[in-house]
């Protein structure tokens, strides 16, 4: 099993990600939402930690990402940043914080950065939100783009099916990717689109392209931490590889604890003062 070079403890920056793409080094990215888990992920060598608005699902139990608020994302972002020493920390701007106007967007972006001390922000969309992207970038805040399946627009799609199977939507993704690059975004996430389209995007832009359900011929991969660790069970898309079954491990541990308490085995004589 290969791991990252433990001697390379330099802070990952937006510039280093571009360098990684140029030399063909794949970029690893995972989500985290709290101090303890983020510390583990960072120490394990992940390059980018995304404080995703998927916290709305895995942390708060909502069906979609839409309900999570700006203050809740700031709370999660601040908790994660405190634990991280090496990884680049990117915070999702939640639904409603950048779509309604570029002035409000930059104010919300500045608030996230000032309070969380994150390294960058991620926004969903292309030409539709480009004015907000320009304003936030002008404030000196790095932006990671997000195209393809955009969970904040799920009510418009009405389905989580693969996006950009038709030519028009595929061409729009290519155009939006190039627009985001020209505007100044440092990287791009492509979610749940055909692998050949994602490969083409990665070849036609110079910024790193991170895929989730977008095949292997992009510059890196991202998964939701709770999914890849097997903590969640009801979500099993084709692109998800489970690297552990923590649901079973944790359930067994809790059951063992309950049994020991009920039988008065815990605490024993060595576990009291």
C-alpha atoms as a PDB file:
ATOM      1  CA  UNK A   1       0.000   0.000   0.000  1.00  0.00           C
ATOM      2  CA  UNK A   2       1.502   3.300  -1.078  1.00  0.00           C
ATOM      3  CA  UNK A   3       1.233   6.386   1.116  1.00  0.00           C
ATOM      4  CA  UNK A   4       2.303   9.989   0.726  1.00  0.00           C
ATOM      5  CA  UNK A   5       5.902  10.927   1.442  1.00  0.00           C
ATOM      6  CA  UNK A   6       5.950  11.690   5.207  1.00  0.00           C
ATOM      7  CA  UNK A   7       8.901  14.017   4.680  1.00  0.00           C
ATOM      8  CA  UNK A   8       6.825  16.231   2.377  1.00  0.00           C
ATOM      9  CA  UNK A   9       5.007  18.074   5.128  1.00  0.00           C
ATOM     10  CA  UNK A  10       4.863  21.372   3.266  1.00  0.00           C
ATOM     11  CA  UNK A  11       1.502  23.111   3.320  1.00  0.00           C
ATOM     12  CA  UNK A  12      -0.500  22.316   0.191  1.00  0.00           C
ATOM     13  CA  UNK A  13      -1.340  25.512  -1.679  1.00  0.00           C
ATOM     14  CA  UNK A  14      -3.323  26.347  -4.810  1.00  0.00           C
ATOM     15  CA  UNK A  15       0.002  26.787  -6.623  1.00  0.00           C
ATOM     16  CA  UNK A  16       1.180  23.328  -5.565  1.00  0.00           C
ATOM     17  CA  UNK A  17      -1.999  21.760  -6.944  1.00  0.00           C
ATOM     18  CA  UNK A  18      -1.292  23.285 -10.358  1.00  0.00           C
ATOM     19  CA  UNK A  19       2.262  21.954 -10.128  1.00  0.00           C
ATOM     20  CA  UNK A  20       0.893  18.488  -9.326  1.00  0.00           C
ATOM     21  CA  UNK A  21      -1.236  18.549 -12.465  1.00  0.00           C
ATOM     22  CA  UNK A  22       1.714  19.622 -14.606  1.00  0.00           C
ATOM     23  CA  UNK A  23       3.862  16.728 -13.436  1.00  0.00           C
ATOM     24  CA  UNK A  24       1.037  14.199 -13.601  1.00  0.00           C
ATOM     25  CA  UNK A  25       0.714  13.603  -9.846  1.00  0.00           C
ATOM     26  CA  UNK A  26      -2.852  12.694  -8.902  1.00  0.00           C
ATOM     27  CA  UNK A  27      -4.557  14.860  -6.268  1.00  0.00           C
ATOM     28  CA  UNK A  28      -6.378  13.225  -3.331  1.00  0.00           C
ATOM     29  CA  UNK A  29      -9.338  15.014  -1.785  1.00  0.00           C
ATOM     30  CA  UNK A  30     -11.823  14.027   0.930  1.00  0.00           C
ATOM     31  CA  UNK A  31     -14.489  15.801   2.917  1.00  0.00           C
ATOM     32  CA  UNK A  32     -14.289  16.504   6.649  1.00  0.00           C
ATOM     33  CA  UNK A  33     -16.613  18.389   8.958  1.00  0.00           C
ATOM     34  CA  UNK A  34     -15.098  18.260  12.462  1.00  0.00           C
ATOM     35  CA  UNK A  35     -11.803  18.621  14.308  1.00  0.00           C
ATOM     36  CA  UNK A  36     -11.161  14.964  15.156  1.00  0.00           C
ATOM     37  CA  UNK A  37     -11.872  13.487  11.732  1.00  0.00           C
ATOM     38  CA  UNK A  38     -10.055  16.289   9.913  1.00  0.00           C
ATOM     39  CA  UNK A  39      -6.935  15.652  11.982  1.00  0.00           C
ATOM     40  CA  UNK A  40      -6.954  11.981  10.984  1.00  0.00           C
ATOM     41  CA  UNK A  41      -7.526  12.766   7.316  1.00  0.00           C
ATOM     42  CA  UNK A  42      -4.769  15.374   7.281  1.00  0.00           C
ATOM     43  CA  UNK A  43      -2.246  13.100   9.001  1.00  0.00           C
ATOM     44  CA  UNK A  44      -3.057  10.340   6.511  1.00  0.00           C
ATOM     45  CA  UNK A  45      -1.766  12.533   3.709  1.00  0.00           C
ATOM     46  CA  UNK A  46      -4.825  13.806   1.848  1.00  0.00           C
ATOM     47  CA  UNK A  47      -3.926  16.801  -0.325  1.00  0.00           C
ATOM     48  CA  UNK A  48      -7.217  18.705  -0.143  1.00  0.00           C
ATOM     49  CA  UNK A  49      -9.896  18.641   2.549  1.00  0.00           C
ATOM     50  CA  UNK A  50     -13.319  19.839   1.464  1.00  0.00           C
ATOM     51  CA  UNK A  51     -15.628  21.144   4.151  1.00  0.00           C
ATOM     52  CA  UNK A  52     -18.556  20.161   1.994  1.00  0.00           C
ATOM     53  CA  UNK A  53     -22.138  21.284   2.216  1.00  0.00           C
ATOM     54  CA  UNK A  54     -22.695  17.506   2.261  1.00  0.00           C
ATOM     55  CA  UNK A  55     -22.529  18.151   6.010  1.00  0.00           C
ATOM     56  CA  UNK A  56     -26.216  18.912   5.514  1.00  0.00           C
ATOM     57  CA  UNK A  57     -26.708  15.219   4.708  1.00  0.00           C
ATOM     58  CA  UNK A  58     -24.184  13.269   6.764  1.00  0.00           C
ATOM     59  CA  UNK A  59     -24.023  15.520   9.832  1.00  0.00           C
ATOM     60  CA  UNK A  60     -27.527  17.001  10.031  1.00  0.00           C
ATOM     61  CA  UNK A  61     -29.625  14.312   8.354  1.00  0.00           C
ATOM     62  CA  UNK A  62     -31.168  16.494   5.654  1.00  0.00           C
ATOM     63  CA  UNK A  63     -32.195  14.926   2.347  1.00  0.00           C
ATOM     64  CA  UNK A  64     -30.424  17.605   0.274  1.00  0.00           C
ATOM     65  CA  UNK A  65     -27.589  20.097   0.751  1.00  0.00           C
ATOM     66  CA  UNK A  66     -29.940  23.068   0.469  1.00  0.00           C
ATOM     67  CA  UNK A  67     -30.933  23.589   4.154  1.00  0.00           C
ATOM     68  CA  UNK A  68     -27.425  24.119   5.564  1.00  0.00           C
ATOM     69  CA  UNK A  69     -26.762  27.751   6.512  1.00  0.00           C
ATOM     70  CA  UNK A  70     -23.778  30.051   6.219  1.00  0.00           C
ATOM     71  CA  UNK A  71     -23.194  30.022   9.965  1.00  0.00           C
ATOM     72  CA  UNK A  72     -23.328  26.228  10.059  1.00  0.00           C
ATOM     73  CA  UNK A  73     -20.739  25.985   7.279  1.00  0.00           C
ATOM     74  CA  UNK A  74     -18.553  28.467   9.147  1.00  0.00           C
ATOM     75  CA  UNK A  75     -18.820  26.325  12.288  1.00  0.00           C
ATOM     76  CA  UNK A  76     -17.736  23.199  10.409  1.00  0.00           C
ATOM     77  CA  UNK A  77     -15.002  25.062   8.546  1.00  0.00           C
ATOM     78  CA  UNK A  78     -13.516  26.561  11.681  1.00  0.00           C
ATOM     79  CA  UNK A  79     -13.520  23.148  13.396  1.00  0.00           C
ATOM     80  CA  UNK A  80     -11.698  21.531  10.470  1.00  0.00           C
ATOM     81  CA  UNK A  81      -9.072  24.242  10.010  1.00  0.00           C
ATOM     82  CA  UNK A  82      -8.023  23.975  13.659  1.00  0.00           C
ATOM     83  CA  UNK A  83      -6.936  20.364  13.050  1.00  0.00           C
ATOM     84  CA  UNK A  84      -5.210  20.685   9.678  1.00  0.00           C
ATOM     85  CA  UNK A  85      -1.496  21.297   9.197  1.00  0.00           C
ATOM     86  CA  UNK A  86      -0.768  20.143   5.643  1.00  0.00           C
ATOM     87  CA  UNK A  87      -3.882  19.843   3.460  1.00  0.00           C
ATOM     88  CA  UNK A  88      -5.463  22.698   1.524  1.00  0.00           C
ATOM     89  CA  UNK A  89      -8.825  23.398   3.189  1.00  0.00           C
ATOM     90  CA  UNK A  90     -11.694  24.369   0.888  1.00  0.00           C
ATOM     91  CA  UNK A  91     -15.102  25.405   2.252  1.00  0.00           C
ATOM     92  CA  UNK A  92     -18.311  25.117   0.228  1.00  0.00           C
ATOM     93  CA  UNK A  93     -20.369  28.274  -0.027  1.00  0.00           C
ATOM     94  CA  UNK A  94     -23.870  27.016   0.803  1.00  0.00           C
ATOM     95  CA  UNK A  95     -26.984  27.470  -1.296  1.00  0.00           C
ATOM     96  CA  UNK A  96     -28.326  31.018  -1.261  1.00  0.00           C
ATOM     97  CA  UNK A  97     -25.094  32.731  -0.223  1.00  0.00           C
ATOM     98  CA  UNK A  98     -23.796  33.654  -3.690  1.00  0.00           C
ATOM     99  CA  UNK A  99     -26.651  33.209  -6.183  1.00  0.00           C
ATOM    100  CA  UNK A 100     -28.641  36.316  -5.318  1.00  0.00           C
ATOM    101  CA  UNK A 101     -26.043  38.969  -6.146  1.00  0.00           C
ATOM    102  CA  UNK A 102     -22.315  39.542  -6.421  1.00  0.00           C
ATOM    103  CA  UNK A 103     -22.138  42.045  -3.553  1.00  0.00           C
ATOM    104  CA  UNK A 104     -23.809  39.677  -1.100  1.00  0.00           C
ATOM    105  CA  UNK A 105     -21.644  36.862  -2.465  1.00  0.00           C
ATOM    106  CA  UNK A 106     -18.371  38.644  -1.747  1.00  0.00           C
ATOM    107  CA  UNK A 107     -19.565  39.699   1.718  1.00  0.00           C
ATOM    108  CA  UNK A 108     -20.421  36.089   2.573  1.00  0.00           C
ATOM    109  CA  UNK A 109     -17.151  34.836   1.104  1.00  0.00           C
ATOM    110  CA  UNK A 110     -15.138  37.294   3.178  1.00  0.00           C
ATOM    111  CA  UNK A 111     -17.054  36.271   6.310  1.00  0.00           C
ATOM    112  CA  UNK A 112     -16.234  32.592   5.756  1.00  0.00           C
ATOM    113  CA  UNK A 113     -12.544  33.300   5.165  1.00  0.00           C
ATOM    114  CA  UNK A 114     -12.155  35.697   8.113  1.00  0.00           C
ATOM    115  CA  UNK A 115     -13.804  33.405  10.653  1.00  0.00           C
ATOM    116  CA  UNK A 116     -12.692  29.945   9.478  1.00  0.00           C
ATOM    117  CA  UNK A 117      -9.169  30.799   8.223  1.00  0.00           C
ATOM    118  CA  UNK A 118      -9.810  28.387   5.333  1.00  0.00           C
ATOM    119  CA  UNK A 119      -7.574  28.418   2.257  1.00  0.00           C
ATOM    120  CA  UNK A 120     -10.244  28.645  -0.446  1.00  0.00           C
ATOM    121  CA  UNK A 121     -13.949  28.407  -1.279  1.00  0.00           C
ATOM    122  CA  UNK A 122     -15.963  26.237  -3.684  1.00  0.00           C
ATOM    123  CA  UNK A 123     -18.957  27.446  -5.691  1.00  0.00           C
ATOM    124  CA  UNK A 124     -21.319  25.510  -7.963  1.00  0.00           C
ATOM    125  CA  UNK A 125     -22.029  26.783 -11.457  1.00  0.00           C
ATOM    126  CA  UNK A 126     -20.563  28.386 -14.549  1.00  0.00           C
ATOM    127  CA  UNK A 127     -21.652  31.404 -16.538  1.00  0.00           C
ATOM    128  CA  UNK A 128     -24.734  31.855 -14.319  1.00  0.00           C
ATOM    129  CA  UNK A 129     -22.605  32.809 -11.300  1.00  0.00           C
ATOM    130  CA  UNK A 130     -19.574  34.285 -13.054  1.00  0.00           C
ATOM    131  CA  UNK A 131     -20.145  37.824 -11.710  1.00  0.00           C
ATOM    132  CA  UNK A 132     -20.025  36.496  -8.145  1.00  0.00           C
ATOM    133  CA  UNK A 133     -16.894  34.495  -8.993  1.00  0.00           C
ATOM    134  CA  UNK A 134     -15.188  37.603 -10.372  1.00  0.00           C
ATOM    135  CA  UNK A 135     -16.047  39.678  -7.299  1.00  0.00           C
ATOM    136  CA  UNK A 136     -14.838  37.031  -4.850  1.00  0.00           C
ATOM    137  CA  UNK A 137     -11.614  36.508  -6.794  1.00  0.00           C
ATOM    138  CA  UNK A 138     -11.105  40.289  -6.892  1.00  0.00           C
ATOM    139  CA  UNK A 139     -11.225  40.238  -3.086  1.00  0.00           C
ATOM    140  CA  UNK A 140      -8.217  37.898  -3.134  1.00  0.00           C
ATOM    141  CA  UNK A 141     -10.098  34.707  -2.282  1.00  0.00           C
ATOM    142  CA  UNK A 142      -9.208  31.538  -4.243  1.00  0.00           C
ATOM    143  CA  UNK A 143     -12.137  29.684  -5.809  1.00  0.00           C
ATOM    144  CA  UNK A 144     -12.585  26.047  -6.791  1.00  0.00           C
ATOM    145  CA  UNK A 145     -15.355  25.620  -9.351  1.00  0.00           C
ATOM    146  CA  UNK A 146     -17.930  22.806  -9.507  1.00  0.00           C
ATOM    147  CA  UNK A 147     -19.707  21.614 -12.668  1.00  0.00           C
ATOM    148  CA  UNK A 148     -21.721  18.609 -13.790  1.00  0.00           C
ATOM    149  CA  UNK A 149     -24.169  17.338 -11.219  1.00  0.00           C
ATOM    150  CA  UNK A 150     -24.555  20.271  -8.850  1.00  0.00           C
ATOM    151  CA  UNK A 151     -26.381  19.169  -5.676  1.00  0.00           C
ATOM    152  CA  UNK A 152     -27.522  22.710  -4.868  1.00  0.00           C
ATOM    153  CA  UNK A 153     -29.563  22.596  -8.094  1.00  0.00           C
ATOM    154  CA  UNK A 154     -31.108  19.194  -7.420  1.00  0.00           C
ATOM    155  CA  UNK A 155     -34.656  20.565  -7.398  1.00  0.00           C
ATOM    156  CA  UNK A 156     -34.102  21.868 -10.930  1.00  0.00           C
ATOM    157  CA  UNK A 157     -32.758  18.506 -12.147  1.00  0.00           C
ATOM    158  CA  UNK A 158     -35.267  16.390 -10.252  1.00  0.00           C
ATOM    159  CA  UNK A 159     -32.834  13.470 -10.280  1.00  0.00           C
ATOM    160  CA  UNK A 160     -29.280  12.512  -9.279  1.00  0.00           C
ATOM    161  CA  UNK A 161     -28.694  10.768 -12.620  1.00  0.00           C
ATOM    162  CA  UNK A 162     -25.516  11.285 -14.650  1.00  0.00           C
ATOM    163  CA  UNK A 163     -25.352  14.740 -16.223  1.00  0.00           C
ATOM    164  CA  UNK A 164     -24.155  15.876 -19.678  1.00  0.00           C
ATOM    165  CA  UNK A 165     -25.076  12.777 -21.646  1.00  0.00           C
ATOM    166  CA  UNK A 166     -26.481  14.998 -24.405  1.00  0.00           C
ATOM    167  CA  UNK A 167     -24.244  17.097 -26.602  1.00  0.00           C
ATOM    168  CA  UNK A 168     -25.618  20.503 -25.608  1.00  0.00           C
ATOM    169  CA  UNK A 169     -25.037  20.010 -21.883  1.00  0.00           C
ATOM    170  CA  UNK A 170     -21.615  18.487 -22.542  1.00  0.00           C
ATOM    171  CA  UNK A 171     -20.573  21.506 -24.604  1.00  0.00           C
ATOM    172  CA  UNK A 172     -21.837  23.848 -21.890  1.00  0.00           C
ATOM    173  CA  UNK A 173     -19.685  22.073 -19.301  1.00  0.00           C
ATOM    174  CA  UNK A 174     -16.631  22.497 -21.525  1.00  0.00           C
ATOM    175  CA  UNK A 175     -17.425  26.180 -22.089  1.00  0.00           C
ATOM    176  CA  UNK A 176     -18.086  26.785 -18.389  1.00  0.00           C
ATOM    177  CA  UNK A 177     -14.843  25.019 -17.405  1.00  0.00           C
ATOM    178  CA  UNK A 178     -12.836  27.242 -19.748  1.00  0.00           C
ATOM    179  CA  UNK A 179     -14.691  30.319 -18.499  1.00  0.00           C
ATOM    180  CA  UNK A 180     -13.946  29.480 -14.866  1.00  0.00           C
ATOM    181  CA  UNK A 181     -10.281  28.949 -15.759  1.00  0.00           C
ATOM    182  CA  UNK A 182     -10.051  32.256 -17.649  1.00  0.00           C
ATOM    183  CA  UNK A 183     -11.755  34.066 -14.783  1.00  0.00           C
ATOM    184  CA  UNK A 184      -9.138  32.776 -12.335  1.00  0.00           C
ATOM    185  CA  UNK A 185     -10.421  29.674 -10.545  1.00  0.00           C
ATOM    186  CA  UNK A 186      -7.527  27.509  -9.357  1.00  0.00           C
ATOM    187  CA  UNK A 187      -9.275  24.127  -9.733  1.00  0.00           C
ATOM    188  CA  UNK A 188     -12.516  22.478 -10.724  1.00  0.00           C
ATOM    189  CA  UNK A 189     -14.701  19.629  -9.469  1.00  0.00           C
ATOM    190  CA  UNK A 190     -16.622  17.587 -12.038  1.00  0.00           C
ATOM    191  CA  UNK A 191     -19.414  15.495 -10.545  1.00  0.00           C
ATOM    192  CA  UNK A 192     -21.177  12.516 -12.117  1.00  0.00           C
ATOM    193  CA  UNK A 193     -20.534  13.088 -15.824  1.00  0.00           C
ATOM    194  CA  UNK A 194     -19.323  10.666 -18.537  1.00  0.00           C
ATOM    195  CA  UNK A 195     -15.662   9.730 -18.134  1.00  0.00           C
ATOM    196  CA  UNK A 196     -14.742  10.706 -21.709  1.00  0.00           C
ATOM    197  CA  UNK A 197     -16.190  14.196 -21.222  1.00  0.00           C
ATOM    198  CA  UNK A 198     -14.332  14.649 -17.932  1.00  0.00           C
ATOM    199  CA  UNK A 199     -11.094  13.530 -19.590  1.00  0.00           C
ATOM    200  CA  UNK A 200     -11.613  16.074 -22.359  1.00  0.00           C
ATOM    201  CA  UNK A 201     -12.195  18.877 -19.850  1.00  0.00           C
ATOM    202  CA  UNK A 202      -9.045  17.917 -17.919  1.00  0.00           C
ATOM    203  CA  UNK A 203      -7.046  18.027 -21.145  1.00  0.00           C
ATOM    204  CA  UNK A 204      -8.449  21.336 -22.338  1.00  0.00           C
ATOM    205  CA  UNK A 205      -7.907  23.345 -19.140  1.00  0.00           C
ATOM    206  CA  UNK A 206      -4.620  23.937 -17.346  1.00  0.00           C
ATOM    207  CA  UNK A 207      -6.134  23.982 -13.849  1.00  0.00           C
ATOM    208  CA  UNK A 208      -6.553  20.738 -11.854  1.00  0.00           C
ATOM    209  CA  UNK A 209      -9.802  18.841 -12.436  1.00  0.00           C
ATOM    210  CA  UNK A 210     -11.030  16.749  -9.490  1.00  0.00           C
ATOM    211  CA  UNK A 211     -13.593  14.089 -10.276  1.00  0.00           C
ATOM    212  CA  UNK A 212     -16.365  12.409  -8.331  1.00  0.00           C
ATOM    213  CA  UNK A 213     -18.089   9.877 -10.533  1.00  0.00           C
ATOM    214  CA  UNK A 214     -16.170  11.326 -13.504  1.00  0.00           C
ATOM    215  CA  UNK A 215     -13.751   8.519 -14.321  1.00  0.00           C
ATOM    216  CA  UNK A 216     -10.041   8.117 -13.748  1.00  0.00           C
ATOM    217  CA  UNK A 217      -8.563  10.327 -16.470  1.00  0.00           C
ATOM    218  CA  UNK A 218      -8.812  13.542 -14.494  1.00  0.00           C
ATOM    219  CA  UNK A 219      -6.265  15.121 -12.160  1.00  0.00           C
ATOM    220  CA  UNK A 220      -7.634  13.874  -8.838  1.00  0.00           C
ATOM    221  CA  UNK A 221     -10.537  12.328  -6.975  1.00  0.00           C
ATOM    222  CA  UNK A 222     -12.862  13.328  -4.141  1.00  0.00           C
ATOM    223  CA  UNK A 223     -15.273  11.301  -2.047  1.00  0.00           C
ATOM    224  CA  UNK A 224     -17.446  12.024   0.976  1.00  0.00           C
ATOM    225  CA  UNK A 225     -15.538  10.715   4.005  1.00  0.00           C
ATOM    226  CA  UNK A 226     -18.513   9.069   5.682  1.00  0.00           C
ATOM    227  CA  UNK A 227     -19.332   7.200   2.470  1.00  0.00           C
ATOM    228  CA  UNK A 228     -15.842   5.855   1.764  1.00  0.00           C
ATOM    229  CA  UNK A 229     -15.420   4.773   5.409  1.00  0.00           C
ATOM    230  CA  UNK A 230     -18.685   2.852   5.294  1.00  0.00           C
ATOM    231  CA  UNK A 231     -20.336   4.895   8.028  1.00  0.00           C
ATOM    232  CA  UNK A 232     -23.283   5.614   5.741  1.00  0.00           C
ATOM    233  CA  UNK A 233     -25.080   2.638   4.223  1.00  0.00           C
ATOM    234  CA  UNK A 234     -28.025   3.846   2.150  1.00  0.00           C
ATOM    235  CA  UNK A 235     -25.941   5.603  -0.516  1.00  0.00           C
ATOM    236  CA  UNK A 236     -24.200   3.277  -2.991  1.00  0.00           C
ATOM    237  CA  UNK A 237     -23.544   4.890  -6.392  1.00  0.00           C
ATOM    238  CA  UNK A 238     -21.283   3.131  -8.886  1.00  0.00           C
ATOM    239  CA  UNK A 239     -18.406   5.560  -8.272  1.00  0.00           C
ATOM    240  CA  UNK A 240     -18.232   4.937  -4.509  1.00  0.00           C
ATOM    241  CA  UNK A 241     -15.541   2.576  -3.220  1.00  0.00           C
ATOM    242  CA  UNK A 242     -15.876   1.736   0.466  1.00  0.00           C
ATOM    243  CA  UNK A 243     -12.459   1.452   2.112  1.00  0.00           C
ATOM    244  CA  UNK A 244     -13.831   0.313   5.482  1.00  0.00           C
ATOM    245  CA  UNK A 245     -17.035  -0.799   7.164  1.00  0.00           C
ATOM    246  CA  UNK A 246     -17.026   1.522  10.159  1.00  0.00           C
ATOM    247  CA  UNK A 247     -20.770   1.154  10.503  1.00  0.00           C
ATOM    248  CA  UNK A 248     -20.264  -2.480  11.530  1.00  0.00           C
ATOM    249  CA  UNK A 249     -17.176  -1.739  13.658  1.00  0.00           C
ATOM    250  CA  UNK A 250     -18.862   1.087  15.552  1.00  0.00           C
ATOM    251  CA  UNK A 251     -22.126  -0.795  16.022  1.00  0.00           C
ATOM    252  CA  UNK A 252     -20.293  -3.771  17.488  1.00  0.00           C
ATOM    253  CA  UNK A 253     -18.271  -1.538  19.810  1.00  0.00           C
ATOM    254  CA  UNK A 254     -21.376   0.239  21.115  1.00  0.00           C
ATOM    255  CA  UNK A 255     -23.197  -3.055  21.595  1.00  0.00           C
ATOM    256  CA  UNK A 256     -20.210  -4.409  23.514  1.00  0.00           C
ATOM    257  CA  UNK A 257     -20.209  -1.305  25.724  1.00  0.00           C
ATOM    258  CA  UNK A 258     -23.944  -1.626  26.423  1.00  0.00           C
ATOM    259  CA  UNK A 259     -23.479  -5.289  27.316  1.00  0.00           C
ATOM    260  CA  UNK A 260     -20.601  -4.528  29.677  1.00  0.00           C
ATOM    261  CA  UNK A 261     -22.577  -1.791  31.439  1.00  0.00           C
ATOM    262  CA  UNK A 262     -25.644  -3.988  31.819  1.00  0.00           C
ATOM    263  CA  UNK A 263     -23.589  -6.866  33.241  1.00  0.00           C
ATOM    264  CA  UNK A 264     -21.637  -4.552  35.573  1.00  0.00           C
ATOM    265  CA  UNK A 265     -18.400  -5.592  33.839  1.00  0.00           C
ATOM    266  CA  UNK A 266     -17.644  -1.927  33.116  1.00  0.00           C
ATOM    267  CA  UNK A 267     -16.036  -0.286  34.930  1.00  0.00           C
ATOM    268  CA  UNK A 268     -13.855  -2.941  36.526  1.00  0.00           C
ATOM    269  CA  UNK A 269     -11.571  -2.458  39.536  1.00  0.00           C
ATOM    270  CA  UNK A 270      -8.759  -1.067  37.394  1.00  0.00           C
ATOM    271  CA  UNK A 271     -11.038   1.486  35.752  1.00  0.00           C
ATOM    272  CA  UNK A 272     -12.006   3.432  38.871  1.00  0.00           C
ATOM    273  CA  UNK A 273     -10.263   5.743  41.320  1.00  0.00           C
END
